[in-house]
């Protein structure tokens, strides 16, 4: 291996190591996608039922349940949680409990 190849190999190895060991905000890519989708729509009162069905193949109620399950497993900051809570209330919040 010549010095240039070795340097590229080391850079790739370092990048791979950094990716594996970085502190993740969400447990996995699917969780990150769902939470980011919800957060993107939160300022508009939440995603429409059709959008949720098209992107995730689930009802709005199931989406909200899954969202809060994932948020509890993630490292979301308080501002993000407040924004999500205003757009995607849990069952107790929807019923006024």
PDB file of N, CA and C in Angstrom:
ATOM      1  N   UNK A   1       0.857  -1.166   0.000  1.00  0.00           N
ATOM      2  CA  UNK A   1       0.000   0.000   0.000  1.00  0.00           C
ATOM      3  C   UNK A   1       0.909   1.238   0.000  1.00  0.00           C
ATOM      4  N   UNK A   2       0.677   2.114  -0.939  1.00  0.00           N
ATOM      5  CA  UNK A   2       1.492   3.325  -0.987  1.00  0.00           C
ATOM      6  C   UNK A   2       0.952   4.360   0.016  1.00  0.00           C
ATOM      7  N   UNK A   3       1.708   5.397   0.302  1.00  0.00           N
ATOM      8  CA  UNK A   3       1.293   6.371   1.318  1.00  0.00           C
ATOM      9  C   UNK A   3      -0.060   7.027   1.031  1.00  0.00           C
ATOM     10  N   UNK A   4      -0.363   7.288  -0.221  1.00  0.00           N
ATOM     11  CA  UNK A   4      -1.644   7.921  -0.565  1.00  0.00           C
ATOM     12  C   UNK A   4      -2.814   6.974  -0.291  1.00  0.00           C
ATOM     13  N   UNK A   5      -2.682   5.723  -0.659  1.00  0.00           N
ATOM     14  CA  UNK A   5      -3.719   4.730  -0.375  1.00  0.00           C
ATOM     15  C   UNK A   5      -3.900   4.557   1.122  1.00  0.00           C
ATOM     16  N   UNK A   6      -2.781   4.507   1.840  1.00  0.00           N
ATOM     17  CA  UNK A   6      -2.835   4.359   3.288  1.00  0.00           C
ATOM     18  C   UNK A   6      -3.578   5.540   3.924  1.00  0.00           C
ATOM     19  N   UNK A   7      -3.291   6.745   3.469  1.00  0.00           N
ATOM     20  CA  UNK A   7      -3.951   7.940   3.996  1.00  0.00           C
ATOM     21  C   UNK A   7      -5.460   7.871   3.762  1.00  0.00           C
ATOM     22  N   UNK A   8      -5.873   7.473   2.554  1.00  0.00           N
ATOM     23  CA  UNK A   8      -7.312   7.353   2.257  1.00  0.00           C
ATOM     24  C   UNK A   8      -7.947   6.277   3.135  1.00  0.00           C
ATOM     25  N   UNK A   9      -7.238   5.159   3.290  1.00  0.00           N
ATOM     26  CA  UNK A   9      -7.750   4.078   4.128  1.00  0.00           C
ATOM     27  C   UNK A   9      -7.946   4.557   5.566  1.00  0.00           C
ATOM     28  N   UNK A  10      -6.956   5.294   6.097  1.00  0.00           N
ATOM     29  CA  UNK A  10      -7.058   5.813   7.464  1.00  0.00           C
ATOM     30  C   UNK A  10      -8.212   6.805   7.600  1.00  0.00           C
ATOM     31  N   UNK A  11      -8.406   7.653   6.611  1.00  0.00           N
ATOM     32  CA  UNK A  11      -9.498   8.626   6.646  1.00  0.00           C
ATOM     33  C   UNK A  11     -10.848   7.916   6.650  1.00  0.00           C
ATOM     34  N   UNK A  12     -10.983   6.882   5.799  1.00  0.00           N
ATOM     35  CA  UNK A  12     -12.237   6.117   5.765  1.00  0.00           C
ATOM     36  C   UNK A  12     -12.476   5.415   7.094  1.00  0.00           C
ATOM     37  N   UNK A  13     -11.417   4.820   7.616  1.00  0.00           N
ATOM     38  CA  UNK A  13     -11.537   4.122   8.892  1.00  0.00           C
ATOM     39  C   UNK A  13     -11.931   5.081  10.010  1.00  0.00           C
ATOM     40  N   UNK A  14     -11.333   6.248  10.042  1.00  0.00           N
ATOM     41  CA  UNK A  14     -11.668   7.259  11.046  1.00  0.00           C
ATOM     42  C   UNK A  14     -13.118   7.731  10.883  1.00  0.00           C
ATOM     43  N   UNK A  15     -13.540   7.961   9.653  1.00  0.00           N
ATOM     44  CA  UNK A  15     -14.919   8.384   9.403  1.00  0.00           C
ATOM     45  C   UNK A  15     -15.906   7.311   9.854  1.00  0.00           C
ATOM     46  N   UNK A  16     -15.609   6.057   9.565  1.00  0.00           N
ATOM     47  CA  UNK A  16     -16.472   4.958  10.001  1.00  0.00           C
ATOM     48  C   UNK A  16     -16.529   4.880  11.523  1.00  0.00           C
ATOM     49  N   UNK A  17     -15.391   5.000  12.176  1.00  0.00           N
ATOM     50  CA  UNK A  17     -15.335   4.939  13.633  1.00  0.00           C
ATOM     51  C   UNK A  17     -16.136   6.087  14.237  1.00  0.00           C
ATOM     52  N   UNK A  18     -15.975   7.287  13.684  1.00  0.00           N
ATOM     53  CA  UNK A  18     -16.689   8.454  14.183  1.00  0.00           C
ATOM     54  C   UNK A  18     -18.196   8.267  14.044  1.00  0.00           C
ATOM     55  N   UNK A  19     -18.643   7.739  12.928  1.00  0.00           N
ATOM     56  CA  UNK A  19     -20.076   7.511  12.698  1.00  0.00           C
ATOM     57  C   UNK A  19     -20.635   6.515  13.701  1.00  0.00           C
ATOM     58  N   UNK A  20     -19.914   5.462  13.966  1.00  0.00           N
ATOM     59  CA  UNK A  20     -20.378   4.431  14.900  1.00  0.00           C
ATOM     60  C   UNK A  20     -20.422   4.960  16.326  1.00  0.00           C
ATOM     61  N   UNK A  21     -19.477   5.810  16.690  1.00  0.00           N
ATOM     62  CA  UNK A  21     -19.354   6.240  18.080  1.00  0.00           C
ATOM     63  C   UNK A  21     -19.941   7.621  18.383  1.00  0.00           C
ATOM     64  N   UNK A  22     -20.488   8.272  17.390  1.00  0.00           N
ATOM     65  CA  UNK A  22     -21.041   9.597  17.676  1.00  0.00           C
ATOM     66  C   UNK A  22     -22.308   9.456  18.516  1.00  0.00           C
ATOM     67  N   UNK A  23     -22.578  10.446  19.337  1.00  0.00           N
ATOM     68  CA  UNK A  23     -23.765  10.432  20.189  1.00  0.00           C
ATOM     69  C   UNK A  23     -24.972  10.725  19.320  1.00  0.00           C
ATOM     70  N   UNK A  24     -25.831   9.775  19.232  1.00  0.00           N
ATOM     71  CA  UNK A  24     -27.013   9.921  18.389  1.00  0.00           C
ATOM     72  C   UNK A  24     -28.150  10.577  19.162  1.00  0.00           C
ATOM     73  N   UNK A  25     -28.894  11.383  18.438  1.00  0.00           N
ATOM     74  CA  UNK A  25     -30.069  12.005  19.028  1.00  0.00           C
ATOM     75  C   UNK A  25     -31.234  11.015  19.031  1.00  0.00           C
ATOM     76  N   UNK A  26     -31.256  10.141  18.037  1.00  0.00           N
ATOM     77  CA  UNK A  26     -32.324   9.152  17.900  1.00  0.00           C
ATOM     78  C   UNK A  26     -31.710   7.762  17.800  1.00  0.00           C
ATOM     79  N   UNK A  27     -32.457   6.738  18.223  1.00  0.00           N
ATOM     80  CA  UNK A  27     -31.885   5.390  18.264  1.00  0.00           C
ATOM     81  C   UNK A  27     -31.482   4.807  16.912  1.00  0.00           C
ATOM     82  N   UNK A  28     -32.192   5.153  15.843  1.00  0.00           N
ATOM     83  CA  UNK A  28     -31.859   4.614  14.527  1.00  0.00           C
ATOM     84  C   UNK A  28     -32.394   5.532  13.439  1.00  0.00           C
ATOM     85  N   UNK A  29     -32.097   5.201  12.184  1.00  0.00           N
ATOM     86  CA  UNK A  29     -32.493   6.053  11.043  1.00  0.00           C
ATOM     87  C   UNK A  29     -34.009   6.146  10.893  1.00  0.00           C
ATOM     88  N   UNK A  30     -34.715   5.029  11.110  1.00  0.00           N
ATOM     89  CA  UNK A  30     -36.178   5.059  10.992  1.00  0.00           C
ATOM     90  C   UNK A  30     -36.796   5.974  12.050  1.00  0.00           C
ATOM     91  N   UNK A  31     -36.285   5.900  13.261  1.00  0.00           N
ATOM     92  CA  UNK A  31     -36.771   6.771  14.330  1.00  0.00           C
ATOM     93  C   UNK A  31     -36.494   8.223  13.995  1.00  0.00           C
ATOM     94  N   UNK A  32     -35.295   8.475  13.512  1.00  0.00           N
ATOM     95  CA  UNK A  32     -34.911   9.835  13.144  1.00  0.00           C
ATOM     96  C   UNK A  32     -35.827  10.379  12.041  1.00  0.00           C
ATOM     97  N   UNK A  33     -36.141   9.546  11.056  1.00  0.00           N
ATOM     98  CA  UNK A  33     -37.010   9.976   9.963  1.00  0.00           C
ATOM     99  C   UNK A  33     -38.404  10.317  10.484  1.00  0.00           C
ATOM    100  N   UNK A  34     -38.967   9.455  11.343  1.00  0.00           N
ATOM    101  CA  UNK A  34     -40.318   9.695  11.856  1.00  0.00           C
ATOM    102  C   UNK A  34     -40.357  10.952  12.711  1.00  0.00           C
ATOM    103  N   UNK A  35     -39.401  11.118  13.609  1.00  0.00           N
ATOM    104  CA  UNK A  35     -39.393  12.295  14.479  1.00  0.00           C
ATOM    105  C   UNK A  35     -39.155  13.569  13.674  1.00  0.00           C
ATOM    106  N   UNK A  36     -38.242  13.524  12.724  1.00  0.00           N
ATOM    107  CA  UNK A  36     -37.987  14.710  11.888  1.00  0.00           C
ATOM    108  C   UNK A  36     -39.206  15.065  11.043  1.00  0.00           C
ATOM    109  N   UNK A  37     -39.904  14.052  10.534  1.00  0.00           N
ATOM    110  CA  UNK A  37     -41.136  14.277   9.778  1.00  0.00           C
ATOM    111  C   UNK A  37     -42.170  14.974  10.666  1.00  0.00           C
ATOM    112  N   UNK A  38     -42.357  14.450  11.865  1.00  0.00           N
ATOM    113  CA  UNK A  38     -43.317  15.049  12.802  1.00  0.00           C
ATOM    114  C   UNK A  38     -42.918  16.477  13.155  1.00  0.00           C
ATOM    115  N   UNK A  39     -41.637  16.691  13.393  1.00  0.00           N
ATOM    116  CA  UNK A  39     -41.163  18.030  13.749  1.00  0.00           C
ATOM    117  C   UNK A  39     -41.331  19.013  12.593  1.00  0.00           C
ATOM    118  N   UNK A  40     -41.129  18.535  11.375  1.00  0.00           N
ATOM    119  CA  UNK A  40     -41.283  19.394  10.198  1.00  0.00           C
ATOM    120  C   UNK A  40     -42.724  19.901  10.088  1.00  0.00           C
ATOM    121  N   UNK A  41     -43.691  19.054  10.415  1.00  0.00           N
ATOM    122  CA  UNK A  41     -45.097  19.416  10.299  1.00  0.00           C
ATOM    123  C   UNK A  41     -45.659  20.066  11.560  1.00  0.00           C
ATOM    124  N   UNK A  42     -44.955  20.000  12.674  1.00  0.00           N
ATOM    125  CA  UNK A  42     -45.462  20.532  13.947  1.00  0.00           C
ATOM    126  C   UNK A  42     -45.876  22.005  13.878  1.00  0.00           C
ATOM    127  N   UNK A  43     -45.114  22.895  13.242  1.00  0.00           N
ATOM    128  CA  UNK A  43     -45.539  24.297  13.194  1.00  0.00           C
ATOM    129  C   UNK A  43     -46.871  24.517  12.471  1.00  0.00           C
ATOM    130  N   UNK A  44     -47.290  23.536  11.686  1.00  0.00           N
ATOM    131  CA  UNK A  44     -48.540  23.652  10.938  1.00  0.00           C
ATOM    132  C   UNK A  44     -49.671  22.866  11.587  1.00  0.00           C
ATOM    133  N   UNK A  45     -49.487  22.472  12.830  1.00  0.00           N
ATOM    134  CA  UNK A  45     -50.519  21.729  13.545  1.00  0.00           C
ATOM    135  C   UNK A  45     -50.401  20.226  13.377  1.00  0.00           C
ATOM    136  N   UNK A  46     -49.342  19.771  12.790  1.00  0.00           N
ATOM    137  CA  UNK A  46     -49.125  18.335  12.600  1.00  0.00           C
ATOM    138  C   UNK A  46     -49.391  17.925  11.166  1.00  0.00           C
ATOM    139  N   UNK A  47     -48.894  16.756  10.826  1.00  0.00           N
ATOM    140  CA  UNK A  47     -49.055  16.234   9.466  1.00  0.00           C
ATOM    141  C   UNK A  47     -50.497  15.798   9.229  1.00  0.00           C
ATOM    142  N   UNK A  48     -50.939  15.944   8.006  1.00  0.00           N
ATOM    143  CA  UNK A  48     -52.276  15.498   7.623  1.00  0.00           C
ATOM    144  C   UNK A  48     -52.319  13.972   7.614  1.00  0.00           C
ATOM    145  N   UNK A  49     -53.487  13.442   7.838  1.00  0.00           N
ATOM    146  CA  UNK A  49     -53.679  11.985   7.864  1.00  0.00           C
ATOM    147  C   UNK A  49     -53.182  11.339   6.574  1.00  0.00           C
ATOM    148  N   UNK A  50     -53.419  11.998   5.432  1.00  0.00           N
ATOM    149  CA  UNK A  50     -52.988  11.455   4.145  1.00  0.00           C
ATOM    150  C   UNK A  50     -51.461  11.383   4.051  1.00  0.00           C
ATOM    151  N   UNK A  51     -50.776  12.404   4.560  1.00  0.00           N
ATOM    152  CA  UNK A  51     -49.308  12.420   4.553  1.00  0.00           C
ATOM    153  C   UNK A  51     -48.745  11.288   5.407  1.00  0.00           C
ATOM    154  N   UNK A  52     -49.329  11.114   6.583  1.00  0.00           N
ATOM    155  CA  UNK A  52     -48.875  10.054   7.493  1.00  0.00           C
ATOM    156  C   UNK A  52     -49.089   8.692   6.854  1.00  0.00           C
ATOM    157  N   UNK A  53     -50.244   8.502   6.266  1.00  0.00           N
ATOM    158  CA  UNK A  53     -50.544   7.223   5.619  1.00  0.00           C
ATOM    159  C   UNK A  53     -49.599   6.972   4.444  1.00  0.00           C
ATOM    160  N   UNK A  54     -49.345   7.990   3.657  1.00  0.00           N
ATOM    161  CA  UNK A  54     -48.467   7.832   2.487  1.00  0.00           C
ATOM    162  C   UNK A  54     -47.023   7.540   2.878  1.00  0.00           C
ATOM    163  N   UNK A  55     -46.516   8.190   3.920  1.00  0.00           N
ATOM    164  CA  UNK A  55     -45.113   8.031   4.303  1.00  0.00           C
ATOM    165  C   UNK A  55     -44.861   6.836   5.216  1.00  0.00           C
ATOM    166  N   UNK A  56     -45.832   6.510   6.079  1.00  0.00           N
ATOM    167  CA  UNK A  56     -45.585   5.495   7.095  1.00  0.00           C
ATOM    168  C   UNK A  56     -46.561   4.328   7.059  1.00  0.00           C
ATOM    169  N   UNK A  57     -47.640   4.449   6.291  1.00  0.00           N
ATOM    170  CA  UNK A  57     -48.596   3.358   6.182  1.00  0.00           C
ATOM    171  C   UNK A  57     -49.330   3.065   7.475  1.00  0.00           C
ATOM    172  N   UNK A  58     -49.602   4.099   8.256  1.00  0.00           N
ATOM    173  CA  UNK A  58     -50.308   3.902   9.520  1.00  0.00           C
ATOM    174  C   UNK A  58     -51.302   5.023   9.753  1.00  0.00           C
ATOM    175  N   UNK A  59     -52.234   4.768  10.646  1.00  0.00           N
ATOM    176  CA  UNK A  59     -53.224   5.778  10.992  1.00  0.00           C
ATOM    177  C   UNK A  59     -52.562   6.879  11.816  1.00  0.00           C
ATOM    178  N   UNK A  60     -53.249   7.997  11.930  1.00  0.00           N
ATOM    179  CA  UNK A  60     -52.732   9.109  12.719  1.00  0.00           C
ATOM    180  C   UNK A  60     -52.563   8.698  14.173  1.00  0.00           C
ATOM    181  N   UNK A  61     -53.516   7.974  14.723  1.00  0.00           N
ATOM    182  CA  UNK A  61     -53.425   7.537  16.118  1.00  0.00           C
ATOM    183  C   UNK A  61     -52.196   6.653  16.330  1.00  0.00           C
ATOM    184  N   UNK A  62     -51.976   5.705  15.419  1.00  0.00           N
ATOM    185  CA  UNK A  62     -50.804   4.821  15.532  1.00  0.00           C
ATOM    186  C   UNK A  62     -49.509   5.619  15.376  1.00  0.00           C
ATOM    187  N   UNK A  63     -49.518   6.590  14.465  1.00  0.00           N
ATOM    188  CA  UNK A  63     -48.354   7.445  14.256  1.00  0.00           C
ATOM    189  C   UNK A  63     -48.007   8.203  15.539  1.00  0.00           C
ATOM    190  N   UNK A  64     -49.006   8.780  16.173  1.00  0.00           N
ATOM    191  CA  UNK A  64     -48.782   9.541  17.408  1.00  0.00           C
ATOM    192  C   UNK A  64     -48.271   8.622  18.513  1.00  0.00           C
ATOM    193  N   UNK A  65     -48.858   7.447  18.642  1.00  0.00           N
ATOM    194  CA  UNK A  65     -48.379   6.490  19.647  1.00  0.00           C
ATOM    195  C   UNK A  65     -46.922   6.122  19.392  1.00  0.00           C
ATOM    196  N   UNK A  66     -46.589   5.853  18.145  1.00  0.00           N
ATOM    197  CA  UNK A  66     -45.213   5.485  17.781  1.00  0.00           C
ATOM    198  C   UNK A  66     -44.261   6.660  17.994  1.00  0.00           C
ATOM    199  N   UNK A  67     -44.712   7.858  17.642  1.00  0.00           N
ATOM    200  CA  UNK A  67     -43.900   9.055  17.839  1.00  0.00           C
ATOM    201  C   UNK A  67     -43.492   9.195  19.295  1.00  0.00           C
ATOM    202  N   UNK A  68     -44.444   9.090  20.215  1.00  0.00           N
ATOM    203  CA  UNK A  68     -44.125   9.283  21.631  1.00  0.00           C
ATOM    204  C   UNK A  68     -43.297   8.133  22.194  1.00  0.00           C
ATOM    205  N   UNK A  69     -43.455   6.955  21.634  1.00  0.00           N
ATOM    206  CA  UNK A  69     -42.585   5.842  22.032  1.00  0.00           C
ATOM    207  C   UNK A  69     -41.141   6.159  21.634  1.00  0.00           C
ATOM    208  N   UNK A  70     -40.962   6.651  20.413  1.00  0.00           N
ATOM    209  CA  UNK A  70     -39.618   6.972  19.924  1.00  0.00           C
ATOM    210  C   UNK A  70     -39.020   8.178  20.637  1.00  0.00           C
ATOM    211  N   UNK A  71     -39.836   9.177  20.932  1.00  0.00           N
ATOM    212  CA  UNK A  71     -39.336  10.358  21.642  1.00  0.00           C
ATOM    213  C   UNK A  71     -38.804   9.943  23.015  1.00  0.00           C
ATOM    214  N   UNK A  72     -39.492   9.015  23.675  1.00  0.00           N
ATOM    215  CA  UNK A  72     -39.030   8.573  24.993  1.00  0.00           C
ATOM    216  C   UNK A  72     -37.694   7.840  24.916  1.00  0.00           C
ATOM    217  N   UNK A  73     -37.378   7.265  23.746  1.00  0.00           N
ATOM    218  CA  UNK A  73     -36.114   6.546  23.548  1.00  0.00           C
ATOM    219  C   UNK A  73     -35.018   7.437  22.963  1.00  0.00           C
ATOM    220  N   UNK A  74     -35.369   8.670  22.623  1.00  0.00           N
ATOM    221  CA  UNK A  74     -34.440   9.582  21.954  1.00  0.00           C
ATOM    222  C   UNK A  74     -33.903  10.623  22.922  1.00  0.00           C
ATOM    223  N   UNK A  75     -32.991  11.419  22.420  1.00  0.00           N
ATOM    224  CA  UNK A  75     -32.428  12.528  23.190  1.00  0.00           C
ATOM    225  C   UNK A  75     -32.948  13.852  22.649  1.00  0.00           C
ATOM    226  N   UNK A  76     -34.246  13.970  22.518  1.00  0.00           N
ATOM    227  CA  UNK A  76     -34.848  15.206  22.024  1.00  0.00           C
ATOM    228  C   UNK A  76     -34.734  16.278  23.106  1.00  0.00           C
ATOM    229  N   UNK A  77     -34.522  17.519  22.673  1.00  0.00           N
ATOM    230  CA  UNK A  77     -34.466  18.597  23.657  1.00  0.00           C
ATOM    231  C   UNK A  77     -35.887  19.031  24.020  1.00  0.00           C
ATOM    232  N   UNK A  78     -35.992  19.789  25.099  1.00  0.00           N
ATOM    233  CA  UNK A  78     -37.299  20.168  25.629  1.00  0.00           C
ATOM    234  C   UNK A  78     -38.115  21.017  24.651  1.00  0.00           C
ATOM    235  N   UNK A  79     -37.455  21.883  23.923  1.00  0.00           N
ATOM    236  CA  UNK A  79     -38.169  22.721  22.945  1.00  0.00           C
ATOM    237  C   UNK A  79     -38.803  21.862  21.855  1.00  0.00           C
ATOM    238  N   UNK A  80     -38.061  20.870  21.376  1.00  0.00           N
ATOM    239  CA  UNK A  80     -38.596  19.972  20.358  1.00  0.00           C
ATOM    240  C   UNK A  80     -39.774  19.167  20.915  1.00  0.00           C
ATOM    241  N   UNK A  81     -39.662  18.710  22.146  1.00  0.00           N
ATOM    242  CA  UNK A  81     -40.746  17.947  22.768  1.00  0.00           C
ATOM    243  C   UNK A  81     -41.987  18.817  22.923  1.00  0.00           C
ATOM    244  N   UNK A  82     -41.811  20.066  23.343  1.00  0.00           N
ATOM    245  CA  UNK A  82     -42.965  20.978  23.476  1.00  0.00           C
ATOM    246  C   UNK A  82     -43.638  21.204  22.126  1.00  0.00           C
ATOM    247  N   UNK A  83     -42.846  21.395  21.091  1.00  0.00           N
ATOM    248  CA  UNK A  83     -43.393  21.604  19.749  1.00  0.00           C
ATOM    249  C   UNK A  83     -44.175  20.379  19.287  1.00  0.00           C
ATOM    250  N   UNK A  84     -43.605  19.197  19.504  1.00  0.00           N
ATOM    251  CA  UNK A  84     -44.300  17.964  19.119  1.00  0.00           C
ATOM    252  C   UNK A  84     -45.575  17.770  19.938  1.00  0.00           C
ATOM    253  N   UNK A  85     -45.519  18.085  21.229  1.00  0.00           N
ATOM    254  CA  UNK A  85     -46.687  17.906  22.098  1.00  0.00           C
ATOM    255  C   UNK A  85     -47.851  18.804  21.681  1.00  0.00           C
ATOM    256  N   UNK A  86     -47.535  19.999  21.186  1.00  0.00           N
ATOM    257  CA  UNK A  86     -48.615  20.891  20.768  1.00  0.00           C
ATOM    258  C   UNK A  86     -49.292  20.399  19.485  1.00  0.00           C
ATOM    259  N   UNK A  87     -48.539  19.719  18.637  1.00  0.00           N
ATOM    260  CA  UNK A  87     -49.092  19.253  17.359  1.00  0.00           C
ATOM    261  C   UNK A  87     -49.610  17.824  17.422  1.00  0.00           C
ATOM    262  N   UNK A  88     -49.035  17.014  18.302  1.00  0.00           N
ATOM    263  CA  UNK A  88     -49.381  15.594  18.382  1.00  0.00           C
ATOM    264  C   UNK A  88     -49.672  15.208  19.827  1.00  0.00           C
ATOM    265  N   UNK A  89     -50.824  15.626  20.336  1.00  0.00           N
ATOM    266  CA  UNK A  89     -51.134  15.315  21.733  1.00  0.00           C
ATOM    267  C   UNK A  89     -51.359  13.812  21.928  1.00  0.00           C
ATOM    268  N   UNK A  90     -51.002  13.351  23.125  1.00  0.00           N
ATOM    269  CA  UNK A  90     -51.275  11.949  23.459  1.00  0.00           C
ATOM    270  C   UNK A  90     -52.759  11.774  23.703  1.00  0.00           C
ATOM    271  N   UNK A  91     -53.201  10.554  23.840  1.00  0.00           N
ATOM    272  CA  UNK A  91     -54.640  10.279  24.016  1.00  0.00           C
ATOM    273  C   UNK A  91     -55.200  11.045  25.211  1.00  0.00           C
ATOM    274  N   UNK A  92     -54.496  11.062  26.329  1.00  0.00           N
ATOM    275  CA  UNK A  92     -54.955  11.784  27.510  1.00  0.00           C
ATOM    276  C   UNK A  92     -55.090  13.273  27.250  1.00  0.00           C
ATOM    277  N   UNK A  93     -54.170  13.845  26.499  1.00  0.00           N
ATOM    278  CA  UNK A  93     -54.223  15.265  26.186  1.00  0.00           C
ATOM    279  C   UNK A  93     -55.361  15.575  25.216  1.00  0.00           C
ATOM    280  N   UNK A  94     -55.653  14.644  24.298  1.00  0.00           N
ATOM    281  CA  UNK A  94     -56.738  14.878  23.338  1.00  0.00           C
ATOM    282  C   UNK A  94     -58.094  14.864  24.021  1.00  0.00           C
ATOM    283  N   UNK A  95     -58.235  14.047  25.067  1.00  0.00           N
ATOM    284  CA  UNK A  95     -59.518  13.928  25.763  1.00  0.00           C
ATOM    285  C   UNK A  95     -59.668  14.958  26.874  1.00  0.00           C
ATOM    286  N   UNK A  96     -58.659  15.807  27.037  1.00  0.00           N
ATOM    287  CA  UNK A  96     -58.730  16.839  28.065  1.00  0.00           C
ATOM    288  C   UNK A  96     -58.385  16.346  29.452  1.00  0.00           C
ATOM    289  N   UNK A  97     -57.817  15.155  29.565  1.00  0.00           N
ATOM    290  CA  UNK A  97     -57.443  14.591  30.869  1.00  0.00           C
ATOM    291  C   UNK A  97     -56.155  15.177  31.358  1.00  0.00           C
TER     292      UNK A  97
END
